[in-house]
Amino acid sequence: MIQGSMVALVTPMQADGALDWKGLHKLVDWHIEQGTHAIVAVGTTGESATLDVDEHLEVIRKVVDQVHGRIPVIAGTGANATSEAIELTQAAKDAGADACLSVTPYYNKPTQEGLFLHHQAIAKAVALPQLLYNVPGRTGVDMAPETVARLAVVDNIIGIKEATGDMERARWIVQNTPDDFLLISGDDLTAVELMILGGKGDISVTANVAPAAVAKMCELAIAGQAAEARAIHEQLLPVHNAMFVESNPIPVKWAVAEMGLTADGLRLPLTPLSEKYHAQVREALRAAGLL
């Protein structure tokens, strides 16, 4: 089963925006050594929006090759055109990904029926386990829990990354979907509470800088050890907050560079972390014992 700490992996880049393949290999191995349970390649944090299709698929292939079956690889394959999402999902399957993460179509604002038909079409076209991804703050469209329940019984759809932070919604999804349907947090600030309600993991930005702690936190929360999981959450709270002082992945890219893990490369329209936030992010890392 795919569960636990699933790092929303940054895509390492040089200062000029060129992809840093050596840095990517280094990050993958480091995450496995630190206990990360799965890797999400080319999601939002992986800057999918500024990679071209060839780069997008090459990152997936290289992550799969480097992981070499040690932990699951979940490939970001969402698009706002159903045909494109199907093509990306098929390519991810061909590359050897274990599952895909398919964001709700953005900008064109489909209806709930459109969301259902979009994800159903992907699941029917490609025999690869699919995690739905609901993040209305970025996409401009919110997949209603009732639509999630309809999709939960479609073959190849195995779960959802729910990033609203809404615990009542999380509770409803747990109660109204099959027992083997995976509810995964997409919000580090509320991930522990979602797992205590019955969620099975966290697709985490913070795991980029604190993989061992996030992995332990997830293990404890899934096992029902609420007090112990909440204690780790409290220790990581300054980091959770620091990772969103500007748009993701700007702060986390700066943080992994500050830790000496990668270069601090981004592509426009993203820009480097504003200097006024450097001290806050650095202090959050230091307080969590990461520097």
Protein backbone atom coordinates (compact mmCIF):
# COMPACT_ATOMS: atom_id res chain seq x y z
CA MET A 1 0.00 0.00 0.00
CA ILE A 2 1.11 3.56 -0.74
CA GLN A 3 1.01 5.41 2.56
CA GLY A 4 3.05 7.49 4.98
CA SER A 5 5.33 10.41 4.15
CA MET A 6 5.30 11.12 0.43
CA VAL A 7 7.67 13.94 -0.35
CA ALA A 8 6.44 16.44 -2.94
CA LEU A 9 9.95 16.48 -4.36
CA VAL A 10 11.53 19.71 -5.59
CA THR A 11 13.08 19.53 -9.05
CA PRO A 12 16.70 20.68 -8.64
CA MET A 13 17.80 23.42 -11.03
CA GLN A 14 20.94 25.43 -11.60
CA ALA A 15 20.92 29.20 -11.25
CA ASP A 16 20.12 29.55 -14.96
CA GLY A 17 17.12 27.21 -14.69
CA ALA A 18 18.83 24.19 -16.25
CA LEU A 19 17.79 20.90 -14.67
CA ASP A 20 20.34 19.49 -12.22
CA TRP A 21 20.31 15.73 -12.78
CA LYS A 22 23.11 15.01 -10.30
CA GLY A 23 21.23 16.98 -7.68
CA LEU A 24 18.08 15.01 -8.40
CA HIS A 25 19.87 11.69 -7.93
CA LYS A 26 21.36 12.95 -4.68
CA LEU A 27 17.97 14.03 -3.34
CA VAL A 28 16.31 10.72 -4.21
CA ASP A 29 18.95 8.68 -2.40
CA TRP A 30 18.88 11.04 0.60
CA HIS A 31 15.12 10.69 0.96
CA ILE A 32 15.29 6.92 0.89
CA GLU A 33 18.07 6.94 3.49
CA GLN A 34 16.00 9.29 5.69
CA GLY A 35 12.95 7.03 5.66
CA THR A 36 10.63 8.78 3.20
CA HIS A 37 7.91 6.30 2.22
CA ALA A 38 7.21 7.47 -1.36
CA ILE A 39 8.33 10.16 -3.80
CA VAL A 40 6.03 12.41 -5.80
CA ALA A 41 7.86 13.51 -8.94
CA VAL A 42 6.87 16.63 -10.89
CA GLY A 43 3.98 17.78 -8.76
CA THR A 44 3.32 21.43 -7.97
CA THR A 45 6.40 21.58 -5.74
CA GLY A 46 8.38 19.96 -8.56
CA GLU A 47 7.56 22.94 -10.80
CA SER A 48 5.51 20.98 -13.30
CA ALA A 49 4.10 24.25 -14.62
CA THR A 50 7.46 25.43 -15.98
CA LEU A 51 8.87 22.14 -17.30
CA ASP A 52 8.22 21.27 -20.92
CA VAL A 53 6.77 17.84 -21.70
CA ASP A 54 10.14 16.24 -22.49
CA GLU A 55 11.65 17.53 -19.24
CA HIS A 56 8.57 16.49 -17.27
CA LEU A 57 8.80 12.92 -18.48
CA GLU A 58 12.58 12.77 -18.15
CA VAL A 59 12.35 13.77 -14.48
CA ILE A 60 9.85 10.94 -13.92
CA ARG A 61 12.10 8.44 -15.72
CA LYS A 62 15.19 9.48 -13.78
CA VAL A 63 13.41 9.35 -10.42
CA VAL A 64 12.04 5.88 -11.22
CA ASP A 65 15.50 4.69 -12.30
CA GLN A 66 17.21 6.12 -9.22
CA VAL A 67 14.61 4.75 -6.81
CA HIS A 68 14.98 1.36 -8.48
CA GLY A 69 11.97 -0.14 -6.74
CA ARG A 70 13.02 0.77 -3.21
CA ILE A 71 9.92 2.90 -2.52
CA PRO A 72 6.89 3.86 -4.64
CA VAL A 73 7.14 6.68 -7.18
CA ILE A 74 4.02 8.75 -7.84
CA ALA A 75 4.19 10.80 -11.04
CA GLY A 76 2.41 14.10 -11.42
CA THR A 77 0.42 13.77 -14.65
CA GLY A 78 -2.44 16.25 -14.29
CA ALA A 79 -3.52 18.63 -17.03
CA ASN A 80 -6.51 20.81 -17.83
CA ALA A 81 -7.08 18.94 -21.09
CA THR A 82 -8.23 15.36 -20.59
CA SER A 83 -6.36 14.14 -23.68
CA GLU A 84 -3.09 15.61 -22.39
CA ALA A 85 -3.59 14.10 -18.94
CA ILE A 86 -4.12 10.69 -20.55
CA GLU A 87 -0.93 11.05 -22.61
CA LEU A 88 1.13 12.08 -19.57
CA THR A 89 -0.33 9.25 -17.50
CA GLN A 90 0.45 6.68 -20.18
CA ALA A 91 4.00 8.02 -20.43
CA ALA A 92 4.38 7.78 -16.63
CA LYS A 93 3.21 4.18 -16.73
CA ASP A 94 5.67 3.43 -19.54
CA ALA A 95 8.44 5.01 -17.42
CA GLY A 96 7.67 2.62 -14.56
CA ALA A 97 5.86 4.91 -12.12
CA ASP A 98 3.85 3.09 -9.46
CA ALA A 99 0.95 5.56 -9.50
CA CYS A 100 0.01 8.97 -10.80
CA LEU A 101 -1.23 12.16 -9.15
CA SER A 102 -3.90 13.87 -11.24
CA VAL A 103 -4.86 17.42 -10.28
CA THR A 104 -8.33 18.74 -11.02
CA PRO A 105 -8.30 20.59 -14.36
CA TYR A 106 -7.27 24.17 -13.70
CA TYR A 107 -8.37 27.50 -15.19
CA ASN A 108 -11.21 26.16 -17.36
CA LYS A 109 -13.38 25.46 -14.27
CA PRO A 110 -15.25 22.26 -15.20
CA THR A 111 -18.50 21.32 -13.52
CA GLN A 112 -18.64 18.44 -11.04
CA GLU A 113 -19.83 16.20 -13.87
CA GLY A 114 -16.88 17.36 -15.95
CA LEU A 115 -14.51 16.51 -13.11
CA PHE A 116 -16.06 13.06 -12.80
CA LEU A 117 -15.83 12.35 -16.52
CA HIS A 118 -12.27 13.72 -16.75
CA HIS A 119 -10.87 11.46 -14.04
CA GLN A 120 -12.97 8.50 -15.13
CA ALA A 121 -11.58 8.88 -18.67
CA ILE A 122 -7.99 8.82 -17.42
CA ALA A 123 -8.67 5.75 -15.27
CA LYS A 124 -10.30 3.91 -18.16
CA ALA A 125 -7.56 4.84 -20.65
CA VAL A 126 -4.51 3.94 -18.55
CA ALA A 127 -4.21 1.00 -16.13
CA LEU A 128 -2.14 2.93 -13.60
CA PRO A 129 -3.30 3.61 -10.02
CA GLN A 130 -4.54 7.20 -9.88
CA LEU A 131 -4.60 9.57 -6.93
CA LEU A 132 -7.01 12.45 -7.42
CA TYR A 133 -5.68 15.84 -6.33
CA ASN A 134 -7.95 18.58 -5.03
CA VAL A 135 -6.28 21.95 -4.41
CA PRO A 136 -8.85 24.67 -5.16
CA GLY A 137 -6.57 27.44 -3.91
CA ARG A 138 -4.38 26.85 -6.97
CA THR A 139 -6.72 25.45 -9.58
CA GLY A 140 -9.83 27.58 -9.12
CA VAL A 141 -12.04 24.48 -8.99
CA ASP A 142 -13.11 22.42 -5.97
CA MET A 143 -13.94 18.73 -6.31
CA ALA A 144 -16.97 18.17 -4.08
CA PRO A 145 -16.81 15.25 -1.63
CA GLU A 146 -19.81 13.69 -3.38
CA THR A 147 -17.80 13.65 -6.64
CA VAL A 148 -14.89 12.05 -4.80
CA ALA A 149 -17.26 9.33 -3.57
CA ARG A 150 -18.47 8.68 -7.14
CA LEU A 151 -14.89 8.37 -8.37
CA ALA A 152 -13.79 6.22 -5.42
CA VAL A 153 -15.45 3.15 -6.93
CA VAL A 154 -13.96 3.61 -10.41
CA ASP A 155 -11.31 1.01 -11.31
CA ASN A 156 -7.72 2.36 -11.04
CA ILE A 157 -8.71 5.34 -8.84
CA ILE A 158 -7.17 4.51 -5.47
CA GLY A 159 -7.38 7.71 -3.43
CA ILE A 160 -7.21 11.47 -3.22
CA LYS A 161 -4.71 14.08 -2.14
CA GLU A 162 -7.01 16.51 -0.34
CA ALA A 163 -5.31 19.88 0.17
CA THR A 164 -8.14 22.03 1.53
CA GLY A 165 -7.26 21.42 5.19
CA ASP A 166 -10.99 20.92 5.88
CA MET A 167 -11.34 18.23 8.56
CA GLU A 168 -15.11 17.89 8.21
CA ARG A 169 -14.61 17.16 4.53
CA ALA A 170 -11.88 14.64 5.40
CA ARG A 171 -14.18 12.90 7.87
CA TRP A 172 -16.98 12.72 5.27
CA ILE A 173 -14.66 11.20 2.66
CA VAL A 174 -13.44 8.54 5.10
CA GLN A 175 -17.03 7.66 6.03
CA ASN A 176 -18.43 7.61 2.48
CA THR A 177 -15.75 5.86 0.42
CA PRO A 178 -14.57 2.23 0.38
CA ASP A 179 -12.22 1.15 3.15
CA ASP A 180 -9.34 0.74 0.70
CA PHE A 181 -9.74 4.24 -0.77
CA LEU A 182 -6.75 6.33 0.34
CA LEU A 183 -7.28 9.76 1.84
CA ILE A 184 -3.94 11.60 1.71
CA SER A 185 -3.25 15.06 3.13
CA GLY A 186 -1.92 17.76 0.86
CA ASP A 187 -1.60 20.28 3.67
CA ASP A 188 1.25 19.91 6.15
CA LEU A 189 -0.46 22.11 8.76
CA THR A 190 -3.41 19.73 9.12
CA ALA A 191 -1.87 16.44 8.02
CA VAL A 192 -1.65 14.86 11.47
CA GLU A 193 -5.31 15.55 12.22
CA LEU A 194 -6.35 14.14 8.84
CA MET A 195 -4.40 10.93 9.47
CA ILE A 196 -5.87 10.58 12.95
CA LEU A 197 -9.31 10.73 11.29
CA GLY A 198 -8.35 7.82 9.04
CA GLY A 199 -6.08 9.31 6.39
CA LYS A 200 -3.15 7.26 5.18
CA GLY A 201 -0.39 9.78 4.61
CA ASP A 202 0.87 13.23 3.75
CA ILE A 203 2.15 14.47 0.39
CA SER A 204 4.45 16.89 2.09
CA VAL A 205 6.41 20.02 1.22
CA THR A 206 8.12 20.03 4.63
CA ALA A 207 9.45 16.52 3.96
CA ASN A 208 11.87 18.10 1.49
CA VAL A 209 13.83 19.49 4.44
CA ALA A 210 12.77 17.24 7.34
CA PRO A 211 12.17 13.81 5.80
CA ALA A 212 12.97 11.69 8.86
CA ALA A 213 10.74 13.72 11.17
CA VAL A 214 7.81 13.80 8.74
CA ALA A 215 8.14 10.06 8.13
CA LYS A 216 8.04 9.33 11.87
CA MET A 217 5.14 11.71 12.37
CA CYS A 218 3.15 9.95 9.66
CA GLU A 219 3.92 6.50 11.05
CA LEU A 220 2.72 7.54 14.49
CA ALA A 221 -0.43 9.28 13.25
CA ILE A 222 -1.49 6.37 11.02
CA ALA A 223 -0.91 4.00 13.96
CA GLY A 224 -3.24 6.10 16.10
CA GLN A 225 -0.51 7.41 18.40
CA ALA A 226 -1.99 10.88 18.34
CA ALA A 227 -0.06 12.53 21.17
CA GLU A 228 3.32 11.44 19.83
CA ALA A 229 2.44 12.50 16.28
CA ARG A 230 1.17 15.88 17.46
CA ALA A 231 4.39 16.43 19.42
CA ILE A 232 6.46 16.09 16.23
CA HIS A 233 3.98 18.33 14.41
CA GLU A 234 4.50 21.03 17.04
CA GLN A 235 8.27 20.80 16.60
CA LEU A 236 7.86 21.18 12.84
CA LEU A 237 5.22 23.91 12.97
CA PRO A 238 7.67 26.79 12.33
CA VAL A 239 8.97 24.90 9.30
CA HIS A 240 5.46 24.21 7.99
CA ASN A 241 4.71 27.93 8.22
CA ALA A 242 8.04 29.00 6.76
CA MET A 243 7.54 26.87 3.66
CA PHE A 244 4.65 29.12 2.63
CA VAL A 245 5.86 32.65 3.37
CA GLU A 246 5.84 33.03 -0.42
CA SER A 247 4.33 30.85 -3.12
CA ASN A 248 5.40 27.20 -3.03
CA PRO A 249 8.05 26.10 -4.06
CA ILE A 250 9.94 29.39 -3.60
CA PRO A 251 10.67 28.98 0.14
CA VAL A 252 11.39 25.23 0.04
CA LYS A 253 13.77 25.68 -2.91
CA TRP A 254 15.68 28.26 -0.88
CA ALA A 255 15.62 26.01 2.20
CA VAL A 256 17.06 22.93 0.48
CA ALA A 257 19.80 25.12 -0.95
CA GLU A 258 20.50 26.59 2.49
CA MET A 259 20.90 23.02 3.78
CA GLY A 260 23.43 22.32 1.03
CA LEU A 261 21.25 19.76 -0.73
CA THR A 262 20.79 21.50 -4.10
CA ALA A 263 21.37 24.76 -5.91
CA ASP A 264 18.70 27.46 -5.51
CA GLY A 265 17.47 27.50 -9.11
CA LEU A 266 13.96 28.48 -10.17
CA ARG A 267 12.30 29.39 -13.46
CA LEU A 268 10.29 32.49 -14.19
CA PRO A 269 7.65 33.51 -13.34
CA LEU A 270 8.87 32.16 -9.98
CA THR A 271 11.56 34.30 -8.36
CA PRO A 272 14.07 33.65 -5.56
CA LEU A 273 12.89 33.97 -1.98
CA SER A 274 12.65 37.63 -0.95
CA GLU A 275 15.54 38.63 1.29
CA LYS A 276 13.14 39.80 4.00
CA TYR A 277 12.16 36.14 4.58
CA HIS A 278 15.65 34.65 4.70
CA ALA A 279 16.06 35.01 8.45
CA GLN A 280 12.60 33.58 9.17
CA VAL A 281 13.14 30.48 7.06
CA ARG A 282 16.68 30.00 8.33
CA GLU A 283 15.56 30.28 11.96
CA ALA A 284 12.73 27.79 11.39
CA LEU A 285 15.22 25.28 9.98
CA ARG A 286 17.60 25.92 12.87
CA ALA A 287 14.85 25.56 15.49
CA ALA A 288 13.94 22.17 14.02
CA GLY A 289 17.57 21.04 14.14
CA LEU A 290 17.94 21.03 10.38
CA LEU A 291 20.87 23.48 10.23
